[in-house]
């Protein structure tokens, strides 16, 4: 995985601050390929409770993590009990690595 221990900790802490202590965060996509270079950070966020405005939550977390990561582009995918599960969720669950 192409994230340092400090970056992993910063992402986890930011997600907990923005979304609450019950959040689980995984990274998926190109950041898992140690041979790749650059690229954005793809995060899967699992929330234990239903959410009212997932697009706003994803945008808020993306902005906060992007600041912590010095402007790196961050994509956030949200999974919650009241949200439809799409094929991208299946891929993220299958390939993702819990932070």
N, C-alpha and C. Protein backbone atom coordinates (compact mmCIF):
# COMPACT_ATOMS: atom_id res chain seq x y z
N UNK A 1 0.85 -1.18 0.00
CA UNK A 1 0.00 0.00 0.00
C UNK A 1 0.89 1.24 0.00
N UNK A 2 0.55 2.18 -0.84
CA UNK A 2 1.37 3.39 -0.96
C UNK A 2 0.85 4.51 -0.08
N UNK A 3 0.74 4.22 1.21
CA UNK A 3 0.45 5.23 2.23
C UNK A 3 1.38 4.94 3.41
N UNK A 4 1.92 5.99 3.98
CA UNK A 4 2.79 5.80 5.14
C UNK A 4 1.93 5.56 6.39
N UNK A 5 2.55 5.09 7.43
CA UNK A 5 1.84 4.87 8.70
C UNK A 5 1.25 6.19 9.21
N UNK A 6 1.98 7.28 9.05
CA UNK A 6 1.47 8.59 9.48
C UNK A 6 0.25 9.01 8.65
N UNK A 7 0.28 8.74 7.34
CA UNK A 7 -0.86 9.08 6.49
C UNK A 7 -2.09 8.24 6.85
N UNK A 8 -1.87 6.96 7.11
CA UNK A 8 -2.97 6.08 7.51
C UNK A 8 -3.61 6.59 8.80
N UNK A 9 -2.78 6.93 9.76
CA UNK A 9 -3.29 7.44 11.04
C UNK A 9 -4.05 8.75 10.83
N UNK A 10 -3.52 9.63 10.00
CA UNK A 10 -4.17 10.91 9.74
C UNK A 10 -5.53 10.71 9.07
N UNK A 11 -5.61 9.77 8.13
CA UNK A 11 -6.88 9.49 7.45
C UNK A 11 -7.90 8.94 8.44
N UNK A 12 -7.47 7.98 9.26
CA UNK A 12 -8.39 7.39 10.26
C UNK A 12 -8.90 8.45 11.22
N UNK A 13 -8.00 9.27 11.74
CA UNK A 13 -8.39 10.30 12.70
C UNK A 13 -9.32 11.33 12.06
N UNK A 14 -9.04 11.70 10.83
CA UNK A 14 -9.89 12.67 10.13
C UNK A 14 -11.28 12.08 9.91
N UNK A 15 -11.36 10.83 9.49
CA UNK A 15 -12.65 10.19 9.27
C UNK A 15 -13.45 10.12 10.56
N UNK A 16 -12.81 9.79 11.66
CA UNK A 16 -13.50 9.72 12.95
C UNK A 16 -13.97 11.10 13.40
N UNK A 17 -13.16 12.11 13.15
CA UNK A 17 -13.54 13.47 13.53
C UNK A 17 -14.73 13.96 12.70
N UNK A 18 -14.73 13.67 11.40
CA UNK A 18 -15.78 14.16 10.51
C UNK A 18 -17.05 13.31 10.60
N UNK A 19 -16.90 11.98 10.70
CA UNK A 19 -18.05 11.08 10.60
C UNK A 19 -18.41 10.34 11.88
N UNK A 20 -17.58 10.44 12.89
CA UNK A 20 -17.90 9.78 14.16
C UNK A 20 -17.03 8.57 14.44
N UNK A 21 -17.05 8.13 15.69
CA UNK A 21 -16.13 7.07 16.12
C UNK A 21 -16.44 5.68 15.57
N UNK A 22 -17.64 5.43 15.06
CA UNK A 22 -17.99 4.10 14.56
C UNK A 22 -17.60 3.84 13.12
N UNK A 23 -16.94 4.79 12.48
CA UNK A 23 -16.61 4.68 11.06
C UNK A 23 -15.45 3.70 10.84
N UNK A 24 -15.55 2.94 9.75
CA UNK A 24 -14.45 2.07 9.31
C UNK A 24 -14.00 2.59 7.95
N UNK A 25 -12.70 2.72 7.76
CA UNK A 25 -12.17 3.28 6.53
C UNK A 25 -11.23 2.27 5.88
N UNK A 26 -11.44 2.04 4.58
CA UNK A 26 -10.56 1.18 3.80
C UNK A 26 -10.06 1.96 2.60
N UNK A 27 -8.88 1.60 2.15
CA UNK A 27 -8.35 2.16 0.92
C UNK A 27 -8.45 1.09 -0.16
N UNK A 28 -8.79 1.50 -1.38
CA UNK A 28 -8.86 0.57 -2.49
C UNK A 28 -8.34 1.28 -3.73
N UNK A 29 -8.23 0.55 -4.82
CA UNK A 29 -7.78 1.16 -6.06
C UNK A 29 -6.27 1.19 -6.19
N UNK A 30 -5.78 2.19 -6.92
CA UNK A 30 -4.36 2.23 -7.31
C UNK A 30 -3.40 2.38 -6.13
N UNK A 31 -3.86 2.90 -5.01
CA UNK A 31 -2.97 3.05 -3.85
C UNK A 31 -2.53 1.71 -3.27
N UNK A 32 -3.20 0.64 -3.63
CA UNK A 32 -2.80 -0.68 -3.15
C UNK A 32 -1.69 -1.29 -4.00
N UNK A 33 -1.43 -0.69 -5.15
CA UNK A 33 -0.40 -1.19 -6.06
C UNK A 33 0.93 -0.52 -5.73
N UNK A 34 1.83 -1.28 -5.11
CA UNK A 34 3.13 -0.73 -4.71
C UNK A 34 4.00 -0.33 -5.89
N UNK A 35 3.71 -0.83 -7.07
CA UNK A 35 4.52 -0.52 -8.25
C UNK A 35 4.04 0.74 -8.98
N UNK A 36 2.85 1.19 -8.67
CA UNK A 36 2.28 2.37 -9.34
C UNK A 36 2.88 3.65 -8.76
N UNK A 37 2.62 4.75 -9.44
CA UNK A 37 3.09 6.06 -9.00
C UNK A 37 1.93 7.05 -9.08
N UNK A 38 1.92 8.00 -8.13
CA UNK A 38 0.92 9.06 -8.17
C UNK A 38 -0.47 8.54 -7.97
N UNK A 39 -1.44 9.26 -8.49
CA UNK A 39 -2.83 8.84 -8.40
C UNK A 39 -3.54 9.38 -7.20
N UNK A 40 -4.84 9.28 -7.25
CA UNK A 40 -5.66 9.77 -6.14
C UNK A 40 -5.74 8.71 -5.04
N UNK A 41 -6.46 9.04 -4.00
CA UNK A 41 -6.68 8.12 -2.89
C UNK A 41 -8.16 7.76 -2.89
N UNK A 42 -8.44 6.48 -3.03
CA UNK A 42 -9.82 5.99 -3.04
C UNK A 42 -10.13 5.39 -1.68
N UNK A 43 -11.12 5.97 -1.00
CA UNK A 43 -11.50 5.50 0.33
C UNK A 43 -12.92 4.96 0.33
N UNK A 44 -13.11 3.84 1.01
CA UNK A 44 -14.43 3.28 1.27
C UNK A 44 -14.71 3.53 2.75
N UNK A 45 -15.81 4.19 3.03
CA UNK A 45 -16.18 4.53 4.41
C UNK A 45 -17.44 3.75 4.75
N UNK A 46 -17.34 2.93 5.80
CA UNK A 46 -18.49 2.14 6.26
C UNK A 46 -19.04 2.78 7.53
N UNK A 47 -20.32 3.14 7.46
CA UNK A 47 -20.99 3.75 8.61
C UNK A 47 -22.02 2.78 9.18
N UNK A 48 -22.07 2.66 10.50
CA UNK A 48 -22.99 1.69 11.11
C UNK A 48 -24.45 2.16 11.12
N UNK A 49 -24.70 3.44 10.99
CA UNK A 49 -26.04 4.01 11.06
C UNK A 49 -26.45 4.58 9.70
N UNK A 50 -27.75 4.66 9.42
CA UNK A 50 -28.22 5.30 8.19
C UNK A 50 -27.76 6.76 8.13
N UNK A 51 -27.55 7.24 6.91
CA UNK A 51 -27.11 8.63 6.71
C UNK A 51 -28.16 9.37 5.89
N UNK A 52 -28.25 10.68 6.16
CA UNK A 52 -29.25 11.50 5.49
C UNK A 52 -28.78 12.13 4.20
N UNK A 53 -27.52 12.50 4.12
CA UNK A 53 -27.02 13.18 2.93
C UNK A 53 -25.62 12.63 2.60
N UNK A 54 -25.57 11.46 1.97
CA UNK A 54 -24.27 10.83 1.72
C UNK A 54 -23.35 11.65 0.82
N UNK A 55 -23.89 12.38 -0.14
CA UNK A 55 -23.05 13.17 -1.03
C UNK A 55 -22.32 14.26 -0.24
N UNK A 56 -23.02 14.91 0.68
CA UNK A 56 -22.40 15.95 1.49
C UNK A 56 -21.33 15.35 2.40
N UNK A 57 -21.63 14.22 3.03
CA UNK A 57 -20.64 13.57 3.90
C UNK A 57 -19.39 13.18 3.12
N UNK A 58 -19.57 12.62 1.93
CA UNK A 58 -18.43 12.23 1.10
C UNK A 58 -17.60 13.45 0.71
N UNK A 59 -18.26 14.53 0.35
CA UNK A 59 -17.54 15.75 -0.03
C UNK A 59 -16.79 16.35 1.15
N UNK A 60 -17.42 16.34 2.32
CA UNK A 60 -16.75 16.89 3.51
C UNK A 60 -15.51 16.07 3.86
N UNK A 61 -15.66 14.75 3.87
CA UNK A 61 -14.50 13.91 4.21
C UNK A 61 -13.41 14.05 3.16
N UNK A 62 -13.80 14.08 1.90
CA UNK A 62 -12.83 14.23 0.83
C UNK A 62 -12.02 15.52 1.00
N UNK A 63 -12.69 16.61 1.30
CA UNK A 63 -12.01 17.90 1.47
C UNK A 63 -11.06 17.87 2.67
N UNK A 64 -11.52 17.31 3.78
CA UNK A 64 -10.67 17.26 4.99
C UNK A 64 -9.44 16.38 4.78
N UNK A 65 -9.65 15.21 4.18
CA UNK A 65 -8.51 14.31 3.95
C UNK A 65 -7.57 14.91 2.91
N UNK A 66 -8.11 15.55 1.90
CA UNK A 66 -7.27 16.19 0.89
C UNK A 66 -6.34 17.23 1.53
N UNK A 67 -6.87 18.00 2.47
CA UNK A 67 -6.03 18.98 3.18
C UNK A 67 -4.92 18.30 3.96
N UNK A 68 -5.27 17.23 4.65
CA UNK A 68 -4.28 16.48 5.43
C UNK A 68 -3.21 15.88 4.51
N UNK A 69 -3.61 15.51 3.30
CA UNK A 69 -2.70 14.87 2.33
C UNK A 69 -2.09 15.89 1.37
N UNK A 70 -2.03 17.14 1.79
CA UNK A 70 -1.37 18.21 1.03
C UNK A 70 -1.93 18.38 -0.38
N UNK A 71 -3.26 18.33 -0.50
CA UNK A 71 -3.92 18.61 -1.77
C UNK A 71 -4.13 17.42 -2.67
N UNK A 72 -3.71 16.24 -2.24
CA UNK A 72 -3.91 15.04 -3.07
C UNK A 72 -5.41 14.83 -3.27
N UNK A 73 -5.82 14.44 -4.47
CA UNK A 73 -7.23 14.19 -4.77
C UNK A 73 -7.69 12.95 -4.00
N UNK A 74 -8.85 13.05 -3.37
CA UNK A 74 -9.40 11.97 -2.55
C UNK A 74 -10.83 11.69 -3.00
N UNK A 75 -11.09 10.43 -3.37
CA UNK A 75 -12.45 10.00 -3.71
C UNK A 75 -12.98 9.19 -2.54
N UNK A 76 -14.23 9.46 -2.15
CA UNK A 76 -14.84 8.79 -1.00
C UNK A 76 -16.11 8.07 -1.45
N UNK A 77 -16.17 6.80 -1.12
CA UNK A 77 -17.34 5.96 -1.37
C UNK A 77 -17.93 5.62 -0.01
N UNK A 78 -19.23 5.81 0.14
CA UNK A 78 -19.87 5.58 1.44
C UNK A 78 -20.76 4.36 1.38
N UNK A 79 -20.66 3.54 2.42
CA UNK A 79 -21.54 2.40 2.62
C UNK A 79 -22.25 2.59 3.95
N UNK A 80 -23.58 2.53 3.92
CA UNK A 80 -24.40 2.67 5.13
C UNK A 80 -25.64 1.79 4.94
N UNK A 81 -26.30 1.42 6.06
CA UNK A 81 -27.45 0.51 5.96
C UNK A 81 -28.57 0.99 5.05
N UNK A 82 -28.75 2.29 4.89
CA UNK A 82 -29.85 2.78 4.07
C UNK A 82 -29.47 3.12 2.63
N UNK A 83 -28.23 2.84 2.26
CA UNK A 83 -27.78 3.18 0.91
C UNK A 83 -27.73 1.95 0.01
N UNK A 84 -28.04 2.16 -1.27
CA UNK A 84 -27.98 1.08 -2.24
C UNK A 84 -26.53 0.64 -2.43
N UNK A 85 -26.34 -0.65 -2.52
CA UNK A 85 -25.00 -1.20 -2.76
C UNK A 85 -24.82 -1.38 -4.26
N UNK A 86 -23.76 -0.77 -4.78
CA UNK A 86 -23.47 -0.79 -6.20
C UNK A 86 -22.26 -1.69 -6.47
N UNK A 87 -21.99 -2.03 -7.74
CA UNK A 87 -20.83 -2.86 -8.05
C UNK A 87 -19.50 -2.27 -7.54
N UNK A 88 -19.37 -0.95 -7.50
CA UNK A 88 -18.14 -0.34 -6.98
C UNK A 88 -17.97 -0.67 -5.50
N UNK A 89 -19.07 -0.78 -4.76
CA UNK A 89 -18.99 -1.18 -3.35
C UNK A 89 -18.45 -2.60 -3.24
N UNK A 90 -18.96 -3.49 -4.10
CA UNK A 90 -18.49 -4.89 -4.07
C UNK A 90 -16.98 -4.95 -4.32
N UNK A 91 -16.52 -4.19 -5.31
CA UNK A 91 -15.08 -4.17 -5.61
C UNK A 91 -14.29 -3.63 -4.42
N UNK A 92 -14.77 -2.54 -3.82
CA UNK A 92 -14.06 -1.94 -2.70
C UNK A 92 -14.02 -2.89 -1.49
N UNK A 93 -15.13 -3.59 -1.24
CA UNK A 93 -15.15 -4.55 -0.14
C UNK A 93 -14.20 -5.71 -0.40
N UNK A 94 -14.16 -6.16 -1.64
CA UNK A 94 -13.32 -7.31 -2.01
C UNK A 94 -11.83 -6.97 -1.99
N UNK A 95 -11.46 -5.82 -2.59
CA UNK A 95 -10.06 -5.48 -2.76
C UNK A 95 -9.51 -4.55 -1.68
N UNK A 96 -10.39 -3.86 -0.98
CA UNK A 96 -9.95 -2.83 -0.03
C UNK A 96 -9.17 -3.35 1.15
N UNK A 97 -8.33 -2.48 1.66
CA UNK A 97 -7.54 -2.80 2.85
C UNK A 97 -7.94 -1.84 3.97
N UNK A 98 -8.38 -2.40 5.09
CA UNK A 98 -8.83 -1.60 6.23
C UNK A 98 -7.66 -0.79 6.79
N UNK A 99 -7.92 0.47 7.04
CA UNK A 99 -6.88 1.33 7.62
C UNK A 99 -6.97 1.30 9.14
